Amino acid sequence: MPKTTFEQSMKKLEQIVQELESGDLPLEDAMKKFEEGIKLSSLCSEKLDETEKKITLLIEGQKGSVLEKPFDSDS
């Protein structure tokens, strides 16, 4: 699958969901779309995980220094 942005992947995934929900696809085509959707879902999940790991909170220290603290998604 060619490199796509998160937004492109989500848009394609939404399109696939609509096609599958319409019920108009032959079974073989529906299975292909389902497989593509699973791959896109996994790709989007990976991209979100990578992005979450890159997020840092910059906290100003007591003496004006800047400290980096890993993003805590539970906060």
N, C-alpha and C. Protein backbone atom coordinates (compact mmCIF):
# COMPACT_ATOMS: atom_id res chain seq x y z
N MET A 1 0.85 -1.18 0.00
CA MET A 1 0.00 0.00 0.00
C MET A 1 0.90 1.24 0.00
N PRO A 2 0.69 2.17 -0.94
CA PRO A 2 1.54 3.36 -1.00
C PRO A 2 1.38 4.22 0.25
N LYS A 3 2.44 5.00 0.54
CA LYS A 3 2.39 5.86 1.73
C LYS A 3 1.30 6.90 1.56
N THR A 4 0.45 6.98 2.54
CA THR A 4 -0.61 7.97 2.55
C THR A 4 -0.62 8.66 3.90
N THR A 5 -1.26 9.80 3.93
CA THR A 5 -1.37 10.51 5.20
C THR A 5 -2.46 9.85 6.04
N PHE A 6 -2.48 10.19 7.31
CA PHE A 6 -3.51 9.68 8.20
C PHE A 6 -4.89 10.09 7.68
N GLU A 7 -5.00 11.33 7.26
CA GLU A 7 -6.29 11.84 6.79
C GLU A 7 -6.76 11.11 5.54
N GLN A 8 -5.83 10.84 4.60
CA GLN A 8 -6.18 10.09 3.39
C GLN A 8 -6.65 8.68 3.75
N SER A 9 -5.94 8.06 4.67
CA SER A 9 -6.30 6.70 5.10
C SER A 9 -7.67 6.68 5.74
N MET A 10 -7.96 7.66 6.60
CA MET A 10 -9.27 7.72 7.26
C MET A 10 -10.39 7.95 6.25
N LYS A 11 -10.14 8.82 5.28
CA LYS A 11 -11.15 9.10 4.27
C LYS A 11 -11.46 7.83 3.47
N LYS A 12 -10.41 7.10 3.08
CA LYS A 12 -10.60 5.86 2.33
C LYS A 12 -11.33 4.83 3.18
N LEU A 13 -10.98 4.76 4.45
CA LEU A 13 -11.64 3.81 5.36
C LEU A 13 -13.13 4.14 5.50
N GLU A 14 -13.46 5.42 5.61
CA GLU A 14 -14.86 5.82 5.69
C GLU A 14 -15.62 5.45 4.42
N GLN A 15 -14.95 5.62 3.28
CA GLN A 15 -15.57 5.26 1.99
C GLN A 15 -15.84 3.75 1.94
N ILE A 16 -14.88 2.96 2.39
CA ILE A 16 -15.05 1.51 2.40
C ILE A 16 -16.21 1.11 3.30
N VAL A 17 -16.30 1.72 4.46
CA VAL A 17 -17.39 1.41 5.40
C VAL A 17 -18.74 1.70 4.73
N GLN A 18 -18.84 2.84 4.07
CA GLN A 18 -20.10 3.18 3.38
C GLN A 18 -20.44 2.16 2.31
N GLU A 19 -19.42 1.73 1.54
CA GLU A 19 -19.66 0.75 0.48
C GLU A 19 -20.13 -0.58 1.08
N LEU A 20 -19.49 -0.99 2.17
CA LEU A 20 -19.88 -2.25 2.79
C LEU A 20 -21.27 -2.16 3.41
N GLU A 21 -21.58 -1.04 4.01
CA GLU A 21 -22.89 -0.87 4.64
C GLU A 21 -24.03 -0.79 3.62
N SER A 22 -23.70 -0.41 2.39
CA SER A 22 -24.74 -0.30 1.37
C SER A 22 -25.31 -1.67 1.01
N GLY A 23 -24.49 -2.71 1.16
CA GLY A 23 -24.95 -4.06 0.86
C GLY A 23 -25.04 -4.36 -0.63
N ASP A 24 -24.53 -3.46 -1.48
CA ASP A 24 -24.64 -3.63 -2.92
C ASP A 24 -23.46 -4.37 -3.55
N LEU A 25 -22.43 -4.64 -2.79
CA LEU A 25 -21.23 -5.29 -3.34
C LEU A 25 -21.40 -6.80 -3.40
N PRO A 26 -20.90 -7.41 -4.47
CA PRO A 26 -20.85 -8.88 -4.50
C PRO A 26 -19.94 -9.36 -3.36
N LEU A 27 -20.14 -10.58 -2.92
CA LEU A 27 -19.41 -11.11 -1.77
C LEU A 27 -17.90 -11.00 -1.94
N GLU A 28 -17.37 -11.37 -3.09
CA GLU A 28 -15.93 -11.34 -3.31
C GLU A 28 -15.38 -9.91 -3.20
N ASP A 29 -16.11 -8.96 -3.79
CA ASP A 29 -15.69 -7.56 -3.71
C ASP A 29 -15.78 -7.05 -2.27
N ALA A 30 -16.83 -7.46 -1.56
CA ALA A 30 -16.99 -7.06 -0.17
C ALA A 30 -15.83 -7.58 0.68
N MET A 31 -15.40 -8.81 0.42
CA MET A 31 -14.27 -9.36 1.18
C MET A 31 -12.98 -8.58 0.90
N LYS A 32 -12.77 -8.21 -0.35
CA LYS A 32 -11.57 -7.41 -0.69
C LYS A 32 -11.61 -6.06 0.02
N LYS A 33 -12.78 -5.44 0.01
CA LYS A 33 -12.93 -4.13 0.68
C LYS A 33 -12.73 -4.29 2.19
N PHE A 34 -13.26 -5.38 2.75
CA PHE A 34 -13.10 -5.63 4.18
C PHE A 34 -11.62 -5.77 4.54
N GLU A 35 -10.88 -6.56 3.75
CA GLU A 35 -9.45 -6.74 3.99
C GLU A 35 -8.71 -5.41 3.89
N GLU A 36 -9.04 -4.62 2.88
CA GLU A 36 -8.41 -3.30 2.73
C GLU A 36 -8.72 -2.42 3.92
N GLY A 37 -9.97 -2.48 4.39
CA GLY A 37 -10.37 -1.69 5.55
C GLY A 37 -9.61 -2.08 6.81
N ILE A 38 -9.40 -3.39 6.99
CA ILE A 38 -8.64 -3.85 8.16
C ILE A 38 -7.21 -3.32 8.11
N LYS A 39 -6.60 -3.36 6.92
CA LYS A 39 -5.23 -2.85 6.77
C LYS A 39 -5.18 -1.35 7.05
N LEU A 40 -6.15 -0.62 6.52
CA LEU A 40 -6.19 0.83 6.75
C LEU A 40 -6.41 1.15 8.23
N SER A 41 -7.27 0.39 8.87
CA SER A 41 -7.54 0.60 10.30
C SER A 41 -6.27 0.39 11.12
N SER A 42 -5.54 -0.65 10.78
CA SER A 42 -4.28 -0.94 11.47
C SER A 42 -3.26 0.17 11.21
N LEU A 43 -3.18 0.63 9.97
CA LEU A 43 -2.26 1.71 9.62
C LEU A 43 -2.58 2.98 10.40
N CYS A 44 -3.87 3.32 10.46
CA CYS A 44 -4.29 4.53 11.19
C CYS A 44 -3.96 4.39 12.68
N SER A 45 -4.19 3.22 13.23
CA SER A 45 -3.89 2.99 14.64
C SER A 45 -2.39 3.14 14.91
N GLU A 46 -1.57 2.60 14.02
CA GLU A 46 -0.12 2.74 14.16
C GLU A 46 0.31 4.20 14.10
N LYS A 47 -0.27 4.94 13.15
CA LYS A 47 0.08 6.36 13.02
C LYS A 47 -0.32 7.14 14.26
N LEU A 48 -1.47 6.82 14.84
CA LEU A 48 -1.89 7.50 16.07
C LEU A 48 -0.95 7.16 17.23
N ASP A 49 -0.55 5.89 17.32
CA ASP A 49 0.38 5.48 18.38
C ASP A 49 1.71 6.20 18.24
N GLU A 50 2.23 6.28 17.00
CA GLU A 50 3.50 6.97 16.76
C GLU A 50 3.40 8.44 17.15
N THR A 51 2.30 9.06 16.78
CA THR A 51 2.11 10.48 17.08
C THR A 51 2.02 10.71 18.58
N GLU A 52 1.30 9.84 19.27
CA GLU A 52 1.17 9.98 20.72
C GLU A 52 2.53 9.89 21.40
N LYS A 53 3.39 9.01 20.90
CA LYS A 53 4.72 8.85 21.48
C LYS A 53 5.59 10.09 21.26
N LYS A 54 5.33 10.84 20.19
CA LYS A 54 6.13 12.01 19.87
C LYS A 54 5.71 13.25 20.66
N ILE A 55 4.51 13.21 21.19
CA ILE A 55 4.00 14.39 21.91
C ILE A 55 4.75 14.56 23.23
N THR A 56 5.23 15.71 23.46
CA THR A 56 5.87 16.00 24.75
C THR A 56 5.25 17.26 25.34
N LEU A 57 5.26 17.28 26.62
CA LEU A 57 4.80 18.48 27.32
C LEU A 57 6.02 19.27 27.75
N LEU A 58 6.03 20.52 27.39
CA LEU A 58 7.14 21.37 27.80
C LEU A 58 6.73 22.10 29.08
N ILE A 59 7.52 21.89 30.07
CA ILE A 59 7.21 22.47 31.38
C ILE A 59 8.34 23.42 31.76
N GLU A 60 7.95 24.60 32.10
CA GLU A 60 8.96 25.56 32.51
C GLU A 60 9.42 25.25 33.93
N GLY A 61 10.72 25.06 34.06
CA GLY A 61 11.29 24.76 35.37
C GLY A 61 11.30 25.99 36.27
N GLN A 62 11.67 25.78 37.52
CA GLN A 62 11.67 26.86 38.50
C GLN A 62 12.64 27.98 38.13
N LYS A 63 13.76 27.64 37.50
CA LYS A 63 14.75 28.66 37.17
C LYS A 63 14.64 29.10 35.71
N GLY A 64 13.48 28.88 35.11
CA GLY A 64 13.28 29.33 33.74
C GLY A 64 13.75 28.34 32.70
N SER A 65 14.30 27.22 33.15
CA SER A 65 14.74 26.22 32.17
C SER A 65 13.52 25.46 31.65
N VAL A 66 13.67 24.86 30.51
CA VAL A 66 12.57 24.11 29.92
C VAL A 66 12.89 22.63 30.03
N LEU A 67 11.97 21.89 30.59
CA LEU A 67 12.14 20.45 30.74
C LEU A 67 11.14 19.74 29.83
N GLU A 68 11.56 18.62 29.26
CA GLU A 68 10.64 17.83 28.46
C GLU A 68 10.13 16.68 29.30
N LYS A 69 8.84 16.49 29.25
CA LYS A 69 8.23 15.40 29.98
C LYS A 69 7.38 14.60 29.00
N PRO A 70 7.49 13.28 28.98
CA PRO A 70 6.69 12.49 28.04
C PRO A 70 5.21 12.72 28.26
N PHE A 71 4.47 12.68 27.15
CA PHE A 71 3.03 12.86 27.21
C PHE A 71 2.41 11.70 27.95
N ASP A 72 1.54 12.00 28.90
CA ASP A 72 0.83 10.97 29.65
C ASP A 72 -0.63 11.03 29.24
N SER A 73 -1.08 10.06 28.45
CA SER A 73 -2.44 10.09 27.91
C SER A 73 -3.49 9.85 28.98
N ASP A 74 -3.08 9.40 30.18
CA ASP A 74 -4.03 9.14 31.26
C ASP A 74 -4.39 10.40 32.03
N SER A 75 -3.69 11.50 31.78
CA SER A 75 -3.94 12.75 32.51
C SER A 75 -5.22 13.39 32.07
